[in-house]
Amino acid sequence: MSYGYLFSTGKSSSRIKRWKSVVRVALMLAAASLCGDSGVAAQKNEVLVSAAISLKNAFEELGSIYERQTGVRVRFNLGASGLLQKQIETGAPVDVFASAGERQMDELQSKGLILSETRRNFARNTLVLIVPAHSEISLHSFADLARADIARVAIGNPKTVPAGQYAQEALKNLSLWDVLQPRLVLAENVRQVLDYVTRGEVEAGIVYASDLAEVHGEATAVAYAPEESHAPIQYPIAVVRETRNLKDAQGFIELVLSSTGQAILKKYRFLAFR
């Protein structure tokens, strides 16, 4: 079970305001599932990876490979990076954390909650403006979002979603943030942004380029944010300090960094780290 999906199933914006209670529920569910009769949170023959939901398909494929190679089960807790960070801060029994942005990993590192020597950047991404595949509204650039006929634009909540943080930064640097704020629909993660766009509930959305692999032609990219409009989008991964399976936590990270791991990430439209 992926506990991170607790953050992506709701449609009401009021749920965003209740994220703290959602985190508590998720942690209780995680603890109940991970702790067996012996009370041990994590077994030596499995590793729990908390990963940004944008990594879902690539990491699940990598998890299957690691299981075949080692016999060690890999389980995933998928969600917005900011909420996964909060889970770790409140004691979730996680072995590996992979974030869609550096801020969340930086904060965990500053609190001594990851093993700093295991931290690596493993992928990059780009920010893209998307519209519904059959949209009748013609958009060609980020600047077009300022037009009066663009009533709703979906982005991830900048408080918890790295893609939303980068979107906010880009819109501010492109002098669009102030005009767009009243029109923004804040989503709990990038999957929800995709849902809003593919269902035609918004005129446009801002996601990572890799996210387009999830919608199978139901959304179209119309523009990429200029690289200078936001900080580099880099994905870090690290072992969580309280891991009970250091060997396999490190082993999974090594697979992600390997040529096999990089090829799978490329297949899902991630960019190699440079």
C-alpha atoms as a PDB file:
ATOM      1  CA  MET A   1       0.000   0.000   0.000  1.00  0.00           C
ATOM      2  CA  SER A   2       1.264   3.498  -0.794  1.00  0.00           C
ATOM      3  CA  TYR A   3       0.336   5.715   2.125  1.00  0.00           C
ATOM      4  CA  GLY A   4       1.216   8.823   0.156  1.00  0.00           C
ATOM      5  CA  TYR A   5      -1.989   8.343  -1.838  1.00  0.00           C
ATOM      6  CA  LEU A   6      -3.852   9.600   1.221  1.00  0.00           C
ATOM      7  CA  PHE A   7      -2.735  13.022   0.026  1.00  0.00           C
ATOM      8  CA  SER A   8      -3.945  12.698  -3.555  1.00  0.00           C
ATOM      9  CA  THR A   9      -7.424  11.264  -3.339  1.00  0.00           C
ATOM     10  CA  GLY A  10      -9.289  14.367  -2.210  1.00  0.00           C
ATOM     11  CA  LYS A  11     -10.608  17.078  -4.491  1.00  0.00           C
ATOM     12  CA  SER A  12     -11.521  19.775  -1.998  1.00  0.00           C
ATOM     13  CA  SER A  13      -9.044  22.559  -1.343  1.00  0.00           C
ATOM     14  CA  SER A  14     -10.058  22.464   2.324  1.00  0.00           C
ATOM     15  CA  ARG A  15      -8.139  19.225   2.700  1.00  0.00           C
ATOM     16  CA  ILE A  16      -4.929  21.125   2.067  1.00  0.00           C
ATOM     17  CA  LYS A  17      -5.623  23.156   5.189  1.00  0.00           C
ATOM     18  CA  ARG A  18      -5.935  19.909   7.158  1.00  0.00           C
ATOM     19  CA  TRP A  19      -2.662  18.389   5.985  1.00  0.00           C
ATOM     20  CA  LYS A  20      -1.296  18.094   9.503  1.00  0.00           C
ATOM     21  CA  SER A  21      -4.067  15.746  10.541  1.00  0.00           C
ATOM     22  CA  VAL A  22      -3.668  13.811   7.304  1.00  0.00           C
ATOM     23  CA  VAL A  23       0.001  13.294   8.090  1.00  0.00           C
ATOM     24  CA  ARG A  24      -0.887  11.957  11.534  1.00  0.00           C
ATOM     25  CA  VAL A  25      -3.371   9.496  10.040  1.00  0.00           C
ATOM     26  CA  ALA A  26      -0.848   8.378   7.444  1.00  0.00           C
ATOM     27  CA  LEU A  27       1.778   7.798  10.099  1.00  0.00           C
ATOM     28  CA  MET A  28      -0.578   5.698  12.199  1.00  0.00           C
ATOM     29  CA  LEU A  29      -1.482   3.602   9.169  1.00  0.00           C
ATOM     30  CA  ALA A  30       2.164   3.220   8.253  1.00  0.00           C
ATOM     31  CA  ALA A  31       3.089   2.176  11.757  1.00  0.00           C
ATOM     32  CA  ALA A  32       0.239  -0.334  11.934  1.00  0.00           C
ATOM     33  CA  SER A  33       1.254  -1.910   8.653  1.00  0.00           C
ATOM     34  CA  LEU A  34       5.000  -1.926   9.171  1.00  0.00           C
ATOM     35  CA  CYS A  35       5.066  -3.199  12.726  1.00  0.00           C
ATOM     36  CA  GLY A  36       4.505  -6.916  13.020  1.00  0.00           C
ATOM     37  CA  ASP A  37       3.714  -8.924  16.114  1.00  0.00           C
ATOM     38  CA  SER A  38       7.304  -8.566  17.232  1.00  0.00           C
ATOM     39  CA  GLY A  39       7.015  -4.766  17.199  1.00  0.00           C
ATOM     40  CA  VAL A  40       9.917  -4.396  14.771  1.00  0.00           C
ATOM     41  CA  ALA A  41       9.150  -1.504  12.379  1.00  0.00           C
ATOM     42  CA  ALA A  42      11.212  -2.705   9.440  1.00  0.00           C
ATOM     43  CA  GLN A  43      12.409  -6.195   8.566  1.00  0.00           C
ATOM     44  CA  LYS A  44      15.846  -6.997   7.184  1.00  0.00           C
ATOM     45  CA  ASN A  45      14.302  -8.488   4.051  1.00  0.00           C
ATOM     46  CA  GLU A  46      12.492  -5.330   3.016  1.00  0.00           C
ATOM     47  CA  VAL A  47      13.195  -1.658   2.471  1.00  0.00           C
ATOM     48  CA  LEU A  48      10.678   1.204   2.630  1.00  0.00           C
ATOM     49  CA  VAL A  49      11.257   4.068   0.198  1.00  0.00           C
ATOM     50  CA  SER A  50       9.399   7.369   0.624  1.00  0.00           C
ATOM     51  CA  ALA A  51       9.471   8.985  -2.804  1.00  0.00           C
ATOM     52  CA  ALA A  52       7.960  11.944  -4.607  1.00  0.00           C
ATOM     53  CA  ILE A  53       4.886  10.796  -6.475  1.00  0.00           C
ATOM     54  CA  SER A  54       6.387  11.970  -9.773  1.00  0.00           C
ATOM     55  CA  LEU A  55       8.843   9.073  -9.400  1.00  0.00           C
ATOM     56  CA  LYS A  56       6.127   6.428  -9.095  1.00  0.00           C
ATOM     57  CA  ASN A  57       6.497   4.494 -12.338  1.00  0.00           C
ATOM     58  CA  ALA A  58      10.273   4.701 -12.572  1.00  0.00           C
ATOM     59  CA  PHE A  59      10.821   3.688  -8.945  1.00  0.00           C
ATOM     60  CA  GLU A  60       8.296   0.863  -9.027  1.00  0.00           C
ATOM     61  CA  GLU A  61      10.169  -0.602 -11.993  1.00  0.00           C
ATOM     62  CA  LEU A  62      13.461  -0.185 -10.149  1.00  0.00           C
ATOM     63  CA  GLY A  63      11.938  -1.775  -7.064  1.00  0.00           C
ATOM     64  CA  SER A  64      10.975  -4.853  -9.070  1.00  0.00           C
ATOM     65  CA  ILE A  65      14.520  -5.112 -10.403  1.00  0.00           C
ATOM     66  CA  TYR A  66      16.007  -4.825  -6.914  1.00  0.00           C
ATOM     67  CA  GLU A  67      13.654  -7.511  -5.609  1.00  0.00           C
ATOM     68  CA  ARG A  68      14.659  -9.887  -8.426  1.00  0.00           C
ATOM     69  CA  GLN A  69      18.350  -9.223  -7.862  1.00  0.00           C
ATOM     70  CA  THR A  70      18.385  -9.505  -4.072  1.00  0.00           C
ATOM     71  CA  GLY A  71      15.172 -11.118  -2.870  1.00  0.00           C
ATOM     72  CA  VAL A  72      14.561  -8.019  -0.742  1.00  0.00           C
ATOM     73  CA  ARG A  73      11.080  -6.537  -0.945  1.00  0.00           C
ATOM     74  CA  VAL A  74      10.879  -2.839  -1.812  1.00  0.00           C
ATOM     75  CA  ARG A  75       7.818  -0.945  -0.630  1.00  0.00           C
ATOM     76  CA  PHE A  76       6.948   2.608  -1.608  1.00  0.00           C
ATOM     77  CA  ASN A  77       5.312   5.447   0.254  1.00  0.00           C
ATOM     78  CA  LEU A  78       4.409   7.962  -2.476  1.00  0.00           C
ATOM     79  CA  GLY A  79       3.227  11.536  -2.043  1.00  0.00           C
ATOM     80  CA  ALA A  80       4.159  15.200  -2.090  1.00  0.00           C
ATOM     81  CA  SER A  81       7.779  15.609  -1.023  1.00  0.00           C
ATOM     82  CA  GLY A  82       6.905  18.134   1.681  1.00  0.00           C
ATOM     83  CA  LEU A  83       4.441  15.777   3.338  1.00  0.00           C
ATOM     84  CA  LEU A  84       6.876  12.868   3.147  1.00  0.00           C
ATOM     85  CA  GLN A  85       9.435  15.124   4.822  1.00  0.00           C
ATOM     86  CA  LYS A  86       6.990  15.800   7.667  1.00  0.00           C
ATOM     87  CA  GLN A  87       6.400  12.076   8.100  1.00  0.00           C
ATOM     88  CA  ILE A  88      10.126  11.482   8.520  1.00  0.00           C
ATOM     89  CA  GLU A  89      10.373  14.369  10.969  1.00  0.00           C
ATOM     90  CA  THR A  90       7.641  12.783  13.084  1.00  0.00           C
ATOM     91  CA  GLY A  91       9.286   9.364  13.148  1.00  0.00           C
ATOM     92  CA  ALA A  92       7.902   7.387  10.209  1.00  0.00           C
ATOM     93  CA  PRO A  93       9.888   4.124   9.814  1.00  0.00           C
ATOM     94  CA  VAL A  94      11.454   5.020   6.455  1.00  0.00           C
ATOM     95  CA  ASP A  95      14.713   3.668   5.024  1.00  0.00           C
ATOM     96  CA  VAL A  96      15.202   5.868   1.932  1.00  0.00           C
ATOM     97  CA  PHE A  97      13.874   9.311   1.000  1.00  0.00           C
ATOM     98  CA  ALA A  98      13.788  10.567  -2.599  1.00  0.00           C
ATOM     99  CA  SER A  99      12.560  14.121  -3.069  1.00  0.00           C
ATOM    100  CA  ALA A 100      11.430  16.047  -6.138  1.00  0.00           C
ATOM    101  CA  GLY A 101      13.256  19.100  -4.815  1.00  0.00           C
ATOM    102  CA  GLU A 102      16.322  19.899  -2.737  1.00  0.00           C
ATOM    103  CA  ARG A 103      14.585  22.039  -0.104  1.00  0.00           C
ATOM    104  CA  GLN A 104      12.968  19.092   1.642  1.00  0.00           C
ATOM    105  CA  MET A 105      16.206  17.108   1.757  1.00  0.00           C
ATOM    106  CA  ASP A 106      18.131  20.179   2.937  1.00  0.00           C
ATOM    107  CA  GLU A 107      15.754  20.606   5.861  1.00  0.00           C
ATOM    108  CA  LEU A 108      16.018  16.955   6.876  1.00  0.00           C
ATOM    109  CA  GLN A 109      19.799  17.139   6.617  1.00  0.00           C
ATOM    110  CA  SER A 110      19.930  20.266   8.782  1.00  0.00           C
ATOM    111  CA  LYS A 111      18.021  18.347  11.479  1.00  0.00           C
ATOM    112  CA  GLY A 112      20.323  15.345  11.273  1.00  0.00           C
ATOM    113  CA  LEU A 113      17.571  13.048   9.993  1.00  0.00           C
ATOM    114  CA  ILE A 114      19.411  11.651   6.977  1.00  0.00           C
ATOM    115  CA  LEU A 115      22.853  10.121   6.585  1.00  0.00           C
ATOM    116  CA  SER A 116      24.554  12.997   4.787  1.00  0.00           C
ATOM    117  CA  GLU A 117      27.264  10.821   3.295  1.00  0.00           C
ATOM    118  CA  THR A 118      24.614   8.814   1.395  1.00  0.00           C
ATOM    119  CA  ARG A 119      22.954  11.849  -0.197  1.00  0.00           C
ATOM    120  CA  ARG A 120      23.157  12.005  -3.992  1.00  0.00           C
ATOM    121  CA  ASN A 121      21.421  13.920  -6.772  1.00  0.00           C
ATOM    122  CA  PHE A 122      20.166  11.364  -9.274  1.00  0.00           C
ATOM    123  CA  ALA A 123      17.909  13.127 -11.809  1.00  0.00           C
ATOM    124  CA  ARG A 124      16.843  16.487 -13.191  1.00  0.00           C
ATOM    125  CA  ASN A 125      13.586  17.774 -14.602  1.00  0.00           C
ATOM    126  CA  THR A 126      12.063  20.694 -16.475  1.00  0.00           C
ATOM    127  CA  LEU A 127       8.968  22.755 -15.808  1.00  0.00           C
ATOM    128  CA  VAL A 128       6.261  22.633 -18.466  1.00  0.00           C
ATOM    129  CA  LEU A 129       2.959  24.380 -19.146  1.00  0.00           C
ATOM    130  CA  ILE A 130       0.242  21.922 -20.177  1.00  0.00           C
ATOM    131  CA  VAL A 131      -3.338  22.182 -21.452  1.00  0.00           C
ATOM    132  CA  PRO A 132      -6.103  19.605 -22.006  1.00  0.00           C
ATOM    133  CA  ALA A 133      -5.484  17.652 -25.208  1.00  0.00           C
ATOM    134  CA  HIS A 134      -8.699  18.884 -26.806  1.00  0.00           C
ATOM    135  CA  SER A 135      -8.627  22.419 -25.434  1.00  0.00           C
ATOM    136  CA  GLU A 136     -10.249  25.078 -27.595  1.00  0.00           C
ATOM    137  CA  ILE A 137      -8.141  27.778 -25.948  1.00  0.00           C
ATOM    138  CA  SER A 138      -4.891  28.490 -27.743  1.00  0.00           C
ATOM    139  CA  LEU A 139      -1.893  28.936 -25.461  1.00  0.00           C
ATOM    140  CA  HIS A 140       1.672  29.239 -26.726  1.00  0.00           C
ATOM    141  CA  SER A 141       3.687  30.619 -23.816  1.00  0.00           C
ATOM    142  CA  PHE A 142       3.661  31.265 -20.083  1.00  0.00           C
ATOM    143  CA  ALA A 143       2.947  34.916 -20.865  1.00  0.00           C
ATOM    144  CA  ASP A 144      -0.385  33.859 -22.386  1.00  0.00           C
ATOM    145  CA  LEU A 145      -1.580  32.849 -18.916  1.00  0.00           C
ATOM    146  CA  ALA A 146      -2.179  36.531 -18.166  1.00  0.00           C
ATOM    147  CA  ARG A 147      -4.968  36.688 -20.743  1.00  0.00           C
ATOM    148  CA  ALA A 148      -8.454  37.374 -19.433  1.00  0.00           C
ATOM    149  CA  ASP A 149      -9.876  34.162 -20.910  1.00  0.00           C
ATOM    150  CA  ILE A 150      -7.598  32.014 -18.707  1.00  0.00           C
ATOM    151  CA  ALA A 151      -9.716  31.617 -15.584  1.00  0.00           C
ATOM    152  CA  ARG A 152      -8.039  28.698 -13.778  1.00  0.00           C
ATOM    153  CA  VAL A 153      -4.446  27.468 -13.676  1.00  0.00           C
ATOM    154  CA  ALA A 154      -3.458  24.448 -11.584  1.00  0.00           C
ATOM    155  CA  ILE A 155      -0.124  24.143  -9.791  1.00  0.00           C
ATOM    156  CA  GLY A 156       1.080  22.108  -6.842  1.00  0.00           C
ATOM    157  CA  ASN A 157       0.707  23.746  -3.461  1.00  0.00           C
ATOM    158  CA  PRO A 158       4.042  25.602  -3.039  1.00  0.00           C
ATOM    159  CA  LYS A 159       4.023  24.814   0.689  1.00  0.00           C
ATOM    160  CA  THR A 160       4.434  21.074   0.161  1.00  0.00           C
ATOM    161  CA  VAL A 161       4.908  20.287  -3.552  1.00  0.00           C
ATOM    162  CA  PRO A 162       8.314  20.975  -5.130  1.00  0.00           C
ATOM    163  CA  ALA A 163       6.797  21.366  -8.613  1.00  0.00           C
ATOM    164  CA  GLY A 164       4.547  24.029  -7.115  1.00  0.00           C
ATOM    165  CA  GLN A 165       7.519  25.745  -5.493  1.00  0.00           C
ATOM    166  CA  TYR A 166       9.334  25.907  -8.824  1.00  0.00           C
ATOM    167  CA  ALA A 167       6.135  27.053 -10.560  1.00  0.00           C
ATOM    168  CA  GLN A 168       5.744  29.862  -8.035  1.00  0.00           C
ATOM    169  CA  GLU A 169       9.358  30.909  -8.528  1.00  0.00           C
ATOM    170  CA  ALA A 170       9.022  30.888 -12.324  1.00  0.00           C
ATOM    171  CA  LEU A 171       5.761  32.838 -12.300  1.00  0.00           C
ATOM    172  CA  LYS A 172       7.263  35.479 -10.010  1.00  0.00           C
ATOM    173  CA  ASN A 173      10.336  35.853 -12.198  1.00  0.00           C
ATOM    174  CA  LEU A 174       8.143  36.076 -15.291  1.00  0.00           C
ATOM    175  CA  SER A 175       6.067  38.832 -13.582  1.00  0.00           C
ATOM    176  CA  LEU A 176       2.940  36.663 -13.691  1.00  0.00           C
ATOM    177  CA  TRP A 177       2.463  35.665 -10.058  1.00  0.00           C
ATOM    178  CA  ASP A 178       0.424  38.669  -8.924  1.00  0.00           C
ATOM    179  CA  VAL A 179      -2.038  38.530 -11.805  1.00  0.00           C
ATOM    180  CA  LEU A 180      -2.436  34.755 -11.593  1.00  0.00           C
ATOM    181  CA  GLN A 181      -2.803  34.319  -7.834  1.00  0.00           C
ATOM    182  CA  PRO A 182      -6.618  34.733  -7.840  1.00  0.00           C
ATOM    183  CA  ARG A 183      -6.859  32.152 -10.618  1.00  0.00           C
ATOM    184  CA  LEU A 184      -4.624  29.489  -9.143  1.00  0.00           C
ATOM    185  CA  VAL A 185      -5.988  26.084  -8.184  1.00  0.00           C
ATOM    186  CA  LEU A 186      -3.584  24.546  -5.670  1.00  0.00           C
ATOM    187  CA  ALA A 187      -3.216  20.784  -5.853  1.00  0.00           C
ATOM    188  CA  GLU A 188      -1.892  18.396  -3.220  1.00  0.00           C
ATOM    189  CA  ASN A 189       0.600  16.836  -5.651  1.00  0.00           C
ATOM    190  CA  VAL A 190       1.422  16.777  -9.364  1.00  0.00           C
ATOM    191  CA  ARG A 191      -0.952  13.877 -10.003  1.00  0.00           C
ATOM    192  CA  GLN A 192      -3.836  16.063  -8.924  1.00  0.00           C
ATOM    193  CA  VAL A 193      -2.645  18.852 -11.235  1.00  0.00           C
ATOM    194  CA  LEU A 194      -2.735  16.330 -14.085  1.00  0.00           C
ATOM    195  CA  ASP A 195      -6.250  15.270 -13.101  1.00  0.00           C
ATOM    196  CA  TYR A 196      -7.501  18.853 -13.147  1.00  0.00           C
ATOM    197  CA  VAL A 197      -6.010  19.397 -16.597  1.00  0.00           C
ATOM    198  CA  THR A 198      -7.057  16.133 -18.235  1.00  0.00           C
ATOM    199  CA  ARG A 199     -10.632  16.523 -16.968  1.00  0.00           C
ATOM    200  CA  GLY A 200     -10.765  20.052 -18.355  1.00  0.00           C
ATOM    201  CA  GLU A 201     -11.443  21.583 -14.947  1.00  0.00           C
ATOM    202  CA  VAL A 202      -8.718  24.183 -15.542  1.00  0.00           C
ATOM    203  CA  GLU A 203      -7.455  25.896 -18.665  1.00  0.00           C
ATOM    204  CA  ALA A 204      -3.822  25.011 -17.930  1.00  0.00           C
ATOM    205  CA  GLY A 205      -1.457  23.480 -15.415  1.00  0.00           C
ATOM    206  CA  ILE A 206       2.245  23.561 -14.577  1.00  0.00           C
ATOM    207  CA  VAL A 207       4.019  20.254 -13.941  1.00  0.00           C
ATOM    208  CA  TYR A 208       7.324  18.533 -14.581  1.00  0.00           C
ATOM    209  CA  ALA A 209       8.027  17.303 -18.097  1.00  0.00           C
ATOM    210  CA  SER A 210       8.268  13.734 -16.769  1.00  0.00           C
ATOM    211  CA  ASP A 211       4.680  13.948 -15.508  1.00  0.00           C
ATOM    212  CA  LEU A 212       3.380  13.987 -19.064  1.00  0.00           C
ATOM    213  CA  ALA A 213       4.260  10.298 -19.314  1.00  0.00           C
ATOM    214  CA  GLU A 214       1.345   9.664 -16.933  1.00  0.00           C
ATOM    215  CA  VAL A 215      -1.469  11.099 -19.047  1.00  0.00           C
ATOM    216  CA  HIS A 216      -1.053   9.190 -22.318  1.00  0.00           C
ATOM    217  CA  GLY A 217      -2.057  11.949 -24.709  1.00  0.00           C
ATOM    218  CA  GLU A 218      -4.767  13.483 -22.508  1.00  0.00           C
ATOM    219  CA  ALA A 219      -2.724  16.663 -22.038  1.00  0.00           C
ATOM    220  CA  THR A 220      -0.378  18.605 -24.285  1.00  0.00           C
ATOM    221  CA  ALA A 221       2.768  20.576 -23.467  1.00  0.00           C
ATOM    222  CA  VAL A 222       2.642  24.066 -24.948  1.00  0.00           C
ATOM    223  CA  ALA A 223       5.703  25.731 -23.411  1.00  0.00           C
ATOM    224  CA  TYR A 224       8.724  25.094 -21.205  1.00  0.00           C
ATOM    225  CA  ALA A 225       9.652  27.548 -18.483  1.00  0.00           C
ATOM    226  CA  PRO A 226      12.912  29.363 -19.274  1.00  0.00           C
ATOM    227  CA  GLU A 227      15.755  27.759 -17.326  1.00  0.00           C
ATOM    228  CA  GLU A 228      16.710  31.123 -15.843  1.00  0.00           C
ATOM    229  CA  SER A 229      13.205  31.588 -14.402  1.00  0.00           C
ATOM    230  CA  HIS A 230      13.741  29.081 -11.586  1.00  0.00           C
ATOM    231  CA  ALA A 231      16.445  27.220  -9.715  1.00  0.00           C
ATOM    232  CA  PRO A 232      17.681  23.960 -11.247  1.00  0.00           C
ATOM    233  CA  ILE A 233      15.202  21.126 -10.633  1.00  0.00           C
ATOM    234  CA  GLN A 234      17.269  18.373  -9.038  1.00  0.00           C
ATOM    235  CA  TYR A 235      16.133  15.174  -7.339  1.00  0.00           C
ATOM    236  CA  PRO A 236      18.133  14.097  -4.265  1.00  0.00           C
ATOM    237  CA  ILE A 237      18.026  10.701  -2.566  1.00  0.00           C
ATOM    238  CA  ALA A 238      19.465   9.627   0.799  1.00  0.00           C
ATOM    239  CA  VAL A 239      19.279   7.004   3.528  1.00  0.00           C
ATOM    240  CA  VAL A 240      17.164   8.055   6.509  1.00  0.00           C
ATOM    241  CA  ARG A 241      19.239   8.048   9.697  1.00  0.00           C
ATOM    242  CA  GLU A 242      16.870   5.756  11.614  1.00  0.00           C
ATOM    243  CA  THR A 243      16.898   3.031   8.942  1.00  0.00           C
ATOM    244  CA  ARG A 244      16.909  -0.547  10.219  1.00  0.00           C
ATOM    245  CA  ASN A 245      18.186  -1.884   6.917  1.00  0.00           C
ATOM    246  CA  LEU A 246      21.217   0.210   5.993  1.00  0.00           C
ATOM    247  CA  LYS A 247      22.665  -2.326   3.565  1.00  0.00           C
ATOM    248  CA  ASP A 248      19.589  -2.544   1.339  1.00  0.00           C
ATOM    249  CA  ALA A 249      18.803   1.155   1.667  1.00  0.00           C
ATOM    250  CA  GLN A 250      22.245   1.846   0.235  1.00  0.00           C
ATOM    251  CA  GLY A 251      21.768  -0.932  -2.312  1.00  0.00           C
ATOM    252  CA  PHE A 252      18.588   0.614  -3.675  1.00  0.00           C
ATOM    253  CA  ILE A 253      20.289   4.003  -4.003  1.00  0.00           C
ATOM    254  CA  GLU A 254      23.169   2.380  -5.873  1.00  0.00           C
ATOM    255  CA  LEU A 255      20.670   0.871  -8.313  1.00  0.00           C
ATOM    256  CA  VAL A 256      19.053   4.276  -8.889  1.00  0.00           C
ATOM    257  CA  LEU A 257      22.480   5.775  -9.627  1.00  0.00           C
ATOM    258  CA  SER A 258      23.583   2.902 -11.861  1.00  0.00           C
ATOM    259  CA  SER A 259      23.387   2.867 -15.663  1.00  0.00           C
ATOM    260  CA  THR A 260      20.313   0.636 -15.359  1.00  0.00           C
ATOM    261  CA  GLY A 261      18.621   3.093 -13.032  1.00  0.00           C
ATOM    262  CA  GLN A 262      19.493   6.082 -15.177  1.00  0.00           C
ATOM    263  CA  ALA A 263      18.153   4.345 -18.306  1.00  0.00           C
ATOM    264  CA  ILE A 264      14.828   3.659 -16.589  1.00  0.00           C
ATOM    265  CA  LEU A 265      14.582   7.255 -15.380  1.00  0.00           C
ATOM    266  CA  LYS A 266      15.283   8.449 -18.924  1.00  0.00           C
ATOM    267  CA  LYS A 267      12.494   6.178 -20.209  1.00  0.00           C
ATOM    268  CA  TYR A 268      10.074   8.097 -17.974  1.00  0.00           C
ATOM    269  CA  ARG A 269      11.340  11.466 -19.293  1.00  0.00           C
ATOM    270  CA  PHE A 270      13.657  12.390 -16.468  1.00  0.00           C
ATOM    271  CA  LEU A 271      16.947  14.021 -17.357  1.00  0.00           C
ATOM    272  CA  ALA A 272      20.253  12.527 -16.296  1.00  0.00           C
ATOM    273  CA  PHE A 273      21.964  14.345 -13.486  1.00  0.00           C
ATOM    274  CA  ARG A 274      24.934  16.444 -14.523  1.00  0.00           C
END
